[in-house]
Protein backbone atom coordinates (compact mmCIF):
# COMPACT_ATOMS: atom_id res chain seq x y z
CA MET A 1 -0.16 0.10 0.01
CA LYS A 2 1.27 3.65 -0.76
CA LEU A 3 1.51 5.82 1.77
CA LYS A 4 0.33 8.40 0.58
CA PHE A 5 -2.95 6.45 -0.26
CA PHE A 6 -2.66 5.06 3.37
CA LEU A 7 -2.50 8.93 4.78
CA SER A 8 -5.70 9.45 2.97
CA VAL A 9 -7.42 6.66 4.60
CA LEU A 10 -6.40 7.75 8.17
CA LEU A 11 -7.25 11.25 7.56
CA ALA A 12 -10.91 10.53 6.53
CA LEU A 13 -10.91 7.92 9.39
CA ALA A 14 -10.17 11.08 11.87
CA PHE A 15 -12.48 13.23 10.16
CA TYR A 16 -15.28 10.80 10.70
CA SER A 17 -14.64 10.39 14.30
CA HIS A 18 -13.79 13.88 15.49
CA ALA A 19 -17.65 14.65 15.09
CA ASP A 20 -17.76 13.18 18.73
CA ALA A 21 -20.58 10.74 17.14
CA GLN A 22 -20.88 7.09 15.89
CA PRO A 23 -19.96 6.74 12.02
CA ARG A 24 -22.97 5.95 10.32
CA GLU A 25 -23.56 2.46 8.69
CA GLN A 26 -21.69 1.56 5.62
CA LEU A 27 -22.93 -1.23 3.11
CA VAL A 28 -19.66 -3.08 3.32
CA LYS A 29 -17.82 -3.16 6.82
CA VAL A 30 -14.36 -4.00 7.27
CA ILE A 31 -13.46 -5.95 10.99
CA VAL A 32 -10.08 -6.29 12.39
CA THR A 33 -10.25 -8.40 15.43
CA PRO A 34 -7.26 -8.86 17.64
CA ASN A 35 -6.59 -12.46 19.12
CA HIS A 36 -7.37 -11.23 22.79
CA ALA A 37 -10.85 -10.73 23.47
CA ASP A 38 -9.51 -7.19 26.00
CA TRP A 39 -7.36 -6.19 22.94
CA THR A 40 -4.80 -6.12 25.55
CA TYR A 41 -1.68 -8.27 25.54
CA GLU A 42 1.70 -8.09 27.64
CA VAL A 43 4.92 -6.54 26.61
CA GLY A 44 6.89 -8.72 24.55
CA GLU A 45 3.90 -10.56 23.17
CA ARG A 46 2.72 -10.82 19.56
CA ALA A 47 -0.80 -9.43 18.36
CA GLU A 48 -2.45 -11.33 15.77
CA PHE A 49 -5.42 -9.69 14.11
CA THR A 50 -7.97 -11.46 11.97
CA ILE A 51 -9.39 -9.56 8.83
CA THR A 52 -12.98 -10.05 7.55
CA ALA A 53 -15.21 -7.97 5.21
CA LEU A 54 -18.94 -7.98 5.38
CA ARG A 55 -21.65 -6.97 2.77
CA ASN A 56 -25.15 -7.44 3.92
CA ASN A 57 -23.26 -9.26 7.00
CA VAL A 58 -21.89 -12.05 4.58
CA PRO A 59 -18.16 -12.49 4.09
CA LEU A 60 -16.45 -11.42 0.95
CA GLU A 61 -14.59 -13.46 -0.96
CA GLY A 62 -12.22 -12.77 -3.85
CA VAL A 63 -11.76 -9.11 -2.83
CA GLU A 64 -8.26 -7.80 -2.44
CA ILE A 65 -7.41 -6.28 0.88
CA LYS A 66 -4.60 -4.13 1.56
CA TYR A 67 -3.54 -3.75 5.09
CA THR A 68 -0.69 -1.79 7.29
CA VAL A 69 0.78 -2.66 10.88
CA GLN A 70 2.34 0.50 12.70
CA PRO A 71 2.49 1.74 16.36
CA ASP A 72 -0.11 4.02 17.29
CA PRO A 73 -0.07 7.22 14.84
CA GLY A 74 -3.57 9.20 15.86
CA TYR A 75 -4.29 10.54 12.70
CA ARG A 76 -0.36 11.45 11.62
CA ILE A 77 2.06 9.05 10.41
CA VAL A 78 4.41 7.18 12.14
CA GLU A 79 6.60 3.97 11.30
CA ILE A 80 5.03 1.42 9.36
CA TRP A 81 5.89 -2.10 10.56
CA ASP A 82 4.30 -3.92 8.04
CA GLU A 83 1.90 -3.62 5.08
CA GLY A 84 0.61 -5.76 2.01
CA SER A 85 -2.27 -7.33 0.60
CA PHE A 86 -3.86 -10.03 -0.09
CA VAL A 87 -7.04 -11.84 -1.70
CA LEU A 88 -9.55 -12.98 0.69
CA SER A 89 -10.21 -16.66 -0.01
CA ASN A 90 -11.36 -18.37 3.29
CA LYS A 91 -13.75 -15.48 3.93
CA THR A 92 -11.17 -14.00 6.87
CA THR A 93 -7.29 -13.57 7.04
CA LYS A 94 -4.85 -13.11 10.02
CA ILE A 95 -2.00 -11.06 10.11
CA LYS A 96 0.51 -11.87 13.02
CA ALA A 97 2.72 -8.45 14.57
CA LYS A 98 6.14 -8.35 15.47
CA LYS A 99 6.91 -8.18 19.01
CA PHE A 100 5.84 -4.88 20.77
CA LYS A 101 8.75 -4.20 22.95
CA GLU A 102 7.67 -1.30 25.11
CA PRO A 103 4.20 -0.23 26.86
CA GLY A 104 2.13 1.54 23.89
CA PHE A 105 -0.07 0.32 21.05
CA LEU A 106 -0.18 -1.02 17.94
CA ARG A 107 -2.58 -0.72 15.23
CA CYS A 108 -3.77 -2.95 12.31
CA THR A 109 -5.43 -1.05 9.11
CA ALA A 110 -7.33 -2.94 6.42
CA THR A 111 -8.96 -1.54 3.47
CA VAL A 112 -10.91 -2.68 0.61
CA GLU A 113 -12.54 -1.33 -2.30
CA VAL A 114 -15.92 -2.60 -3.44
CA ASP A 115 -17.76 -1.53 -6.62
CA GLY A 116 -15.54 1.66 -6.87
CA LYS A 117 -15.80 2.62 -3.24
CA THR A 118 -13.24 2.14 -0.48
CA TYR A 119 -14.29 0.84 3.00
CA SER A 120 -11.60 1.15 5.95
CA SER A 121 -11.24 0.07 9.14
CA PHE A 122 -8.61 -0.59 11.95
CA ALA A 123 -8.08 -2.23 15.44
CA THR A 124 -5.59 -1.17 18.25
CA ALA A 125 -4.24 -3.78 20.23
CA GLY A 126 -2.67 -2.47 23.62
CA PHE A 127 0.31 -3.22 25.00
CA SER A 128 0.95 -3.01 28.91
CA PRO A 129 -0.85 0.28 28.82
CA GLU A 130 -0.70 0.64 32.45
CA LYS A 131 2.76 1.18 32.70
CA ILE A 132 3.10 3.56 29.92
CA GLN A 133 4.82 6.80 30.69
CA PRO A 134 4.61 10.31 29.66
CA THR A 135 7.05 12.10 27.40
CA THR A 136 6.35 15.25 28.77
CA THR A 137 7.97 17.07 31.71
CA LEU A 138 7.22 18.92 34.68
CA PRO A 139 8.88 22.65 34.77
CA ALA A 140 10.16 23.56 37.78
CA ASP A 141 7.86 26.56 38.30
CA PHE A 142 5.05 24.97 37.54
CA GLU A 143 2.87 25.15 40.18
CA ALA A 144 4.14 29.04 40.86
CA PHE A 145 3.13 30.14 37.26
CA TRP A 146 -0.65 28.55 37.46
CA ASN A 147 -0.79 30.02 41.50
CA LYS A 148 0.34 33.56 39.89
CA GLY A 149 -2.28 33.25 37.86
CA LYS A 150 -5.20 32.17 40.04
CA LYS A 151 -3.85 34.93 42.16
CA ASP A 152 -4.22 37.55 39.12
CA LEU A 153 -7.86 35.98 38.67
CA ALA A 154 -8.85 36.64 42.10
CA ASN A 155 -8.10 40.23 41.67
CA VAL A 156 -10.78 40.24 39.04
CA PRO A 157 -14.22 40.58 39.86
CA VAL A 158 -16.74 38.02 39.04
CA ASN A 159 -19.80 40.74 37.73
CA PRO A 160 -22.12 37.89 36.72
CA ILE A 161 -24.92 38.83 34.27
CA LEU A 162 -27.45 36.42 34.16
CA THR A 163 -30.13 37.06 31.54
CA LEU A 164 -33.04 34.84 31.66
CA MET A 165 -33.80 32.45 28.10
CA PRO A 166 -37.77 32.05 28.36
CA GLU A 167 -37.76 30.14 25.02
CA ARG A 168 -35.35 27.31 26.64
CA CYS A 169 -37.16 27.20 30.57
CA THR A 170 -39.26 24.98 31.14
CA ALA A 171 -42.05 23.86 33.82
CA LYS A 172 -39.15 22.73 36.27
CA VAL A 173 -35.99 24.64 34.91
CA ASN A 174 -35.00 28.26 34.35
CA VAL A 175 -32.03 28.64 31.88
CA TYR A 176 -30.06 31.65 31.85
CA HIS A 177 -27.47 33.04 29.41
CA VAL A 178 -24.57 33.91 31.72
CA GLU A 179 -21.52 36.76 31.46
CA LEU A 180 -18.41 36.44 33.55
CA ASP A 181 -15.57 38.79 33.87
CA ASN A 182 -12.18 36.55 33.41
CA ILE A 183 -8.70 37.10 33.44
CA HIS A 184 -8.59 38.73 30.45
CA GLY A 185 -12.21 39.42 28.37
CA LYS A 186 -15.39 37.41 29.18
CA ILE A 187 -16.50 33.91 29.74
CA TYR A 188 -19.89 32.52 28.78
CA GLY A 189 -22.27 29.79 29.54
CA ILE A 190 -25.68 28.69 29.93
CA LEU A 191 -26.87 27.98 33.43
CA CYS A 192 -30.02 26.02 34.14
CA THR A 193 -31.20 25.43 37.64
CA PRO A 194 -33.91 23.98 39.40
CA LYS A 195 -37.22 26.27 39.71
CA ARG A 196 -37.78 24.78 43.04
CA GLU A 197 -36.64 26.59 46.18
CA GLY A 198 -33.46 24.59 47.85
CA LYS A 199 -29.84 24.07 47.91
CA TYR A 200 -28.52 21.51 45.19
CA PRO A 201 -25.65 19.70 44.16
CA ALA A 202 -23.80 21.49 40.83
CA ILE A 203 -22.17 19.85 37.33
CA LEU A 204 -19.80 22.18 35.33
CA HIS A 205 -19.31 20.90 31.99
CA VAL A 206 -16.47 22.05 29.92
CA PRO A 207 -16.44 21.86 26.19
CA GLY A 208 -14.88 19.95 23.14
CA ALA A 209 -12.81 21.55 20.86
CA GLY A 210 -14.35 23.61 18.21
CA VAL A 211 -16.24 26.97 18.09
CA ARG A 212 -19.96 26.67 18.47
CA PRO A 213 -23.11 27.62 20.58
CA TYR A 214 -24.01 25.74 23.69
CA TYR A 215 -27.64 24.92 25.12
CA GLY A 216 -27.06 23.80 28.55
CA VAL A 217 -28.10 20.47 30.14
CA VAL A 218 -31.95 21.22 31.18
CA SER A 219 -32.44 17.23 32.29
CA GLU A 220 -29.85 17.69 34.69
CA ALA A 221 -31.41 20.25 36.37
CA GLU A 222 -34.91 18.33 35.99
CA LYS A 223 -33.30 16.18 37.86
CA GLY A 224 -32.20 18.28 41.04
CA PHE A 225 -28.41 19.53 39.99
CA ILE A 226 -27.13 23.11 38.94
CA SER A 227 -25.91 22.52 35.66
CA PHE A 228 -23.49 25.22 34.00
CA THR A 229 -21.88 24.59 30.21
CA ILE A 230 -19.40 27.15 29.38
CA GLY A 231 -17.81 28.50 26.11
CA ILE A 232 -14.01 29.09 26.53
CA HIS A 233 -13.38 31.89 23.87
CA GLY A 234 -14.86 34.71 25.32
CA ILE A 235 -17.80 35.35 23.07
CA PRO A 236 -21.60 34.89 23.72
CA VAL A 237 -23.04 31.12 23.34
CA ASN A 238 -26.28 32.15 22.36
CA LEU A 239 -25.51 33.93 18.95
CA ASP A 240 -26.29 32.60 15.06
CA PRO A 241 -24.48 29.83 14.19
CA SER A 242 -23.12 31.60 11.14
CA VAL A 243 -20.89 33.38 13.76
CA TYR A 244 -19.26 30.43 15.00
CA ASP A 245 -18.60 29.08 11.41
CA ASN A 246 -17.01 32.26 10.39
CA LEU A 247 -14.76 32.29 13.61
CA LYS A 248 -13.66 29.11 13.38
CA GLN A 249 -12.42 29.74 9.57
CA GLY A 250 -11.05 33.03 10.75
CA ALA A 251 -9.69 34.39 13.80
CA LEU A 252 -10.22 31.55 15.71
CA LYS A 253 -8.60 28.91 13.34
CA ASP A 254 -6.28 26.55 15.01
CA TYR A 255 -6.81 28.72 18.17
CA TRP A 256 -4.90 25.87 20.21
CA GLY A 257 -1.55 27.46 18.51
CA ILE A 258 -2.23 31.06 19.22
CA ASN A 259 1.23 32.47 21.15
CA LEU A 260 2.35 28.95 21.75
CA ASP A 261 5.90 30.38 22.40
CA ASP A 262 5.15 32.59 25.24
CA LYS A 263 3.22 30.83 28.43
CA ASP A 264 1.79 34.10 29.28
CA LYS A 265 0.12 34.82 26.53
CA ALA A 266 -0.62 31.45 24.82
CA TYR A 267 -4.24 30.80 24.17
CA TYR A 268 -5.03 28.35 26.68
CA LYS A 269 -4.24 30.58 30.05
CA ARG A 270 -7.30 32.32 29.92
CA VAL A 271 -8.84 29.07 29.13
CA TYR A 272 -8.04 27.17 32.02
CA LEU A 273 -8.25 30.00 34.44
CA GLY A 274 -11.78 30.92 32.77
CA CYS A 275 -12.54 27.27 34.23
CA VAL A 276 -11.68 28.42 37.65
CA ARG A 277 -13.62 31.58 37.56
CA ALA A 278 -16.77 29.48 36.14
CA VAL A 279 -16.20 27.87 39.57
CA ASP A 280 -16.26 31.19 41.17
CA PHE A 281 -19.53 31.48 40.07
CA MET A 282 -20.97 28.51 40.89
CA PHE A 283 -19.99 29.12 44.11
CA GLY A 284 -21.61 32.46 44.50
CA LEU A 285 -25.29 30.94 43.38
CA ASP A 286 -27.58 30.94 46.28
CA SER A 287 -29.09 27.71 45.44
CA PHE A 288 -25.81 26.00 45.43
CA ASP A 289 -25.31 23.53 48.35
CA GLY A 290 -21.79 24.72 48.97
CA VAL A 291 -19.98 21.86 48.84
CA ASN A 292 -21.11 19.29 45.80
CA ILE A 293 -19.75 20.08 42.40
CA GLY A 294 -18.32 18.06 39.63
CA VAL A 295 -16.72 18.84 36.30
CA THR A 296 -16.75 16.98 33.11
CA GLY A 297 -16.55 16.64 29.59
CA GLY A 298 -14.91 14.75 26.53
CA SER A 299 -11.77 15.36 24.39
CA GLN A 300 -10.52 19.47 25.15
CA GLY A 301 -13.21 18.79 27.75
CA GLY A 302 -11.74 15.90 29.22
CA ALA A 303 -8.83 17.81 28.95
CA LEU A 304 -10.36 20.48 31.08
CA SER A 305 -11.81 18.39 33.61
CA ILE A 306 -8.54 17.15 35.10
CA ILE A 307 -7.45 20.82 34.66
CA THR A 308 -10.11 22.44 36.54
CA ALA A 309 -9.47 19.89 39.30
CA SER A 310 -6.12 20.28 39.61
CA LEU A 311 -6.19 24.03 39.91
CA ASP A 312 -9.30 23.99 41.96
CA SER A 313 -9.52 22.34 45.24
CA ARG A 314 -13.42 23.18 45.42
CA ILE A 315 -13.87 20.64 42.63
CA SER A 316 -15.39 17.38 44.89
CA TYR A 317 -15.22 14.82 41.50
CA LEU A 318 -14.39 14.99 37.70
CA ALA A 319 -15.57 12.55 34.91
CA ALA A 320 -13.60 12.70 32.11
CA PHE A 321 -14.16 11.12 28.28
CA TYR A 322 -10.96 10.83 26.31
CA PRO A 323 -8.95 13.99 27.61
CA ALA A 324 -7.13 15.58 24.39
CA LEU A 325 -3.83 18.13 25.30
CA SER A 326 -2.15 14.97 26.67
CA ASP A 327 1.20 14.23 26.53
CA MET A 328 1.18 16.69 23.50
CA THR A 329 5.24 15.99 23.03
CA GLY A 330 4.84 12.34 22.05
CA PHE A 331 5.82 12.73 18.70
CA LEU A 332 9.17 14.03 19.50
CA HIS A 333 9.50 10.71 20.74
CA ASN A 334 8.48 8.37 17.70
CA ARG A 335 4.78 7.61 19.29
CA ALA A 336 1.37 9.80 19.36
CA GLY A 337 0.99 12.56 21.03
CA GLY A 338 -2.28 13.80 22.47
CA TRP A 339 -4.81 16.21 20.16
CA PRO A 340 -4.04 18.76 18.59
CA GLN A 341 -1.46 16.47 17.34
CA ILE A 342 1.60 19.01 16.96
CA PHE A 343 5.19 18.73 17.10
CA THR A 344 5.42 17.06 13.73
CA ASP A 345 7.07 19.86 11.32
CA ASP A 346 9.11 22.45 11.78
CA PHE A 347 6.65 24.83 12.30
CA THR A 348 5.72 23.56 16.02
CA ASN A 349 9.19 21.78 16.56
CA ARG A 350 10.32 24.83 17.69
CA PRO A 351 11.96 24.75 21.69
CA GLU A 352 10.28 27.18 22.69
CA LYS A 353 6.77 25.66 21.90
CA VAL A 354 7.68 22.70 22.93
CA GLU A 355 8.51 24.39 26.54
CA THR A 356 5.56 26.28 26.48
CA SER A 357 3.27 23.19 25.99
CA LYS A 358 4.38 21.65 29.12
CA TYR A 359 2.72 24.25 31.27
CA PHE A 360 -0.49 23.62 29.36
CA ASP A 361 0.02 19.47 29.31
CA VAL A 362 -3.23 17.62 31.16
CA VAL A 363 -0.01 15.03 32.44
CA ASN A 364 1.45 18.00 34.31
CA PHE A 365 -1.79 18.69 35.86
CA ALA A 366 -3.14 15.02 36.46
CA ARG A 367 -0.02 15.04 38.63
CA PHE A 368 -1.63 17.10 41.47
CA VAL A 369 -5.26 15.96 41.06
CA LYS A 370 -6.45 15.12 44.39
CA VAL A 371 -10.52 13.99 44.13
CA PRO A 372 -11.93 10.77 42.77
CA GLY A 373 -11.95 10.48 38.88
CA TRP A 374 -14.14 8.70 36.45
CA TYR A 375 -12.37 7.82 32.90
CA SER A 376 -13.53 6.36 29.69
CA TRP A 377 -11.86 6.12 26.37
CA GLY A 378 -11.48 3.57 23.60
CA TYR A 379 -8.07 2.21 22.10
CA ASN A 380 -9.28 3.33 18.28
CA ASP A 381 -9.07 6.49 19.24
CA ASN A 382 -7.40 8.25 16.55
CA VAL A 383 -7.82 12.18 17.79
CA CYS A 384 -6.79 11.74 21.22
CA PRO A 385 -4.98 8.49 20.79
CA PRO A 386 -5.10 6.05 23.94
CA THR A 387 -1.07 6.27 23.96
CA SER A 388 -1.62 9.74 25.12
CA THR A 389 -4.28 9.35 27.56
CA TYR A 390 -2.92 6.79 29.46
CA SER A 391 0.27 9.12 29.77
CA ALA A 392 -2.00 11.34 31.88
CA TYR A 393 -3.69 8.46 33.75
CA ASN A 394 -1.14 6.60 34.79
CA VAL A 395 0.40 9.62 36.90
CA LEU A 396 -3.08 10.27 38.81
CA LYS A 397 -2.36 9.35 42.43
CA SER A 398 -6.09 10.00 43.69
CA GLU A 399 -8.91 7.40 43.46
CA LYS A 400 -9.24 6.82 40.22
CA GLU A 401 -11.55 4.05 37.72
CA LEU A 402 -10.97 3.29 34.11
CA HIS A 403 -13.61 2.37 31.57
CA VAL A 404 -12.12 1.23 28.33
CA PHE A 405 -14.53 0.64 25.53
CA GLN A 406 -11.70 -0.89 22.77
CA GLU A 407 -13.22 -0.07 19.68
CA THR A 408 -14.72 3.29 19.99
CA LEU A 409 -13.00 5.98 18.03
CA HIS A 410 -13.88 9.20 19.04
CA TRP A 411 -17.32 8.96 19.91
CA THR A 412 -19.04 7.08 22.94
CA PHE A 413 -21.68 4.27 23.52
CA PRO A 414 -25.08 5.08 25.05
CA GLU A 415 -23.53 3.15 27.86
CA GLN A 416 -20.56 5.14 28.32
CA ASN A 417 -22.48 8.00 28.94
CA GLU A 418 -25.18 6.20 31.20
CA MET A 419 -22.07 4.90 33.42
CA ARG A 420 -20.56 8.59 33.36
CA ASP A 421 -24.08 10.05 34.88
CA LYS A 422 -24.84 6.90 37.23
CA TRP A 423 -21.09 7.54 38.81
CA LEU A 424 -21.62 11.42 39.17
CA PHE A 425 -24.82 11.68 39.91
CA GLY A 426 -24.57 9.18 42.35
CA LYS A 427 -21.31 10.97 44.02
CA LEU A 428 -22.81 14.06 43.96
CA LYS A 429 -26.17 13.32 45.99
CA LEU A 430 -24.71 10.74 48.30
CA VAL A 431 -22.15 13.58 49.85
CA LYS A 432 -23.64 16.19 52.16
């Protein structure tokens, strides 16, 4: 298989999965299955992948399958260990990989062309993932840097402005558009509160990557929670969708890289402190019980969940799906780095950018998390590769539990969301 062709397949898969939704069904299904039921091996073992192609759920024969085997590449390209092609004659075939000699992940990708259309899939085997260690390092002044940031933020009044949104309110819930003053500029969000008087636990929702409006989680307020969903870009979150479409193609395109060579001006400094400001606001609500608050999100939101819990000791619990921004220096060490998967070219591979990234890497925040956490991701995630998420998870010293759904890419099964809600709701309501 030509490398260029393989790259186009991977990028297509990455685009497919980055929408945070399960891919739609296709006429032809390519199925790649590791020979361990949990897709997990010990270092030094050899994984064997079975490849099948189905049409109408019937195995195909006589079609050419192209395959590659390589360490987990995210949606980039890393060293290909093996590649080739064969014609399916016995409905399935097996590919045996060479030994994996260090903790990490190995991916087998298979591609078939049927009636002029290309179909692809992959499976990713883990090798002692609980032993993966991060490539990023902790700056000596990391804590001092963020302590100063929080001190500077504390000098800025919250100045909350709540605007009732009658069109979104229900018989049980009030919904507000919220404006807060942040360290630089504003932070906006959607607040959902129970109408019935009382004191309630709270949930902060931090967002995945992108530029979009937000609607809040009314269903949580109906269950007896204060629910606050924030945006991170310092713009109202109730504007016409065209505004966000224009911004993400213009001023906020690749926002994650803005001022990456200066830790004091880097884009995410204001974002991370903005999450703390959201907690400030929630603690000022009369209806908050004053104690029980959780933070949750996926991808960039998974990162911000860990970061918020690390920076703010008032957080009681965190629940994170596939945290982005984890071990971003991975590609400098010939393995996948976390989204946004940088340090792969001369533009980003500059010493000052590498050094700045360490102040914003989830790994270094995870080292200081002290509250219980619930985590979930899949081995097949090519946006937030498991090599990167395990790098952060493995340095956590706090109480933690991980739920791996091996085949998921950058999306979740309904069962994962149900598990998260059951854990988080239970924790917040049980502790008084």
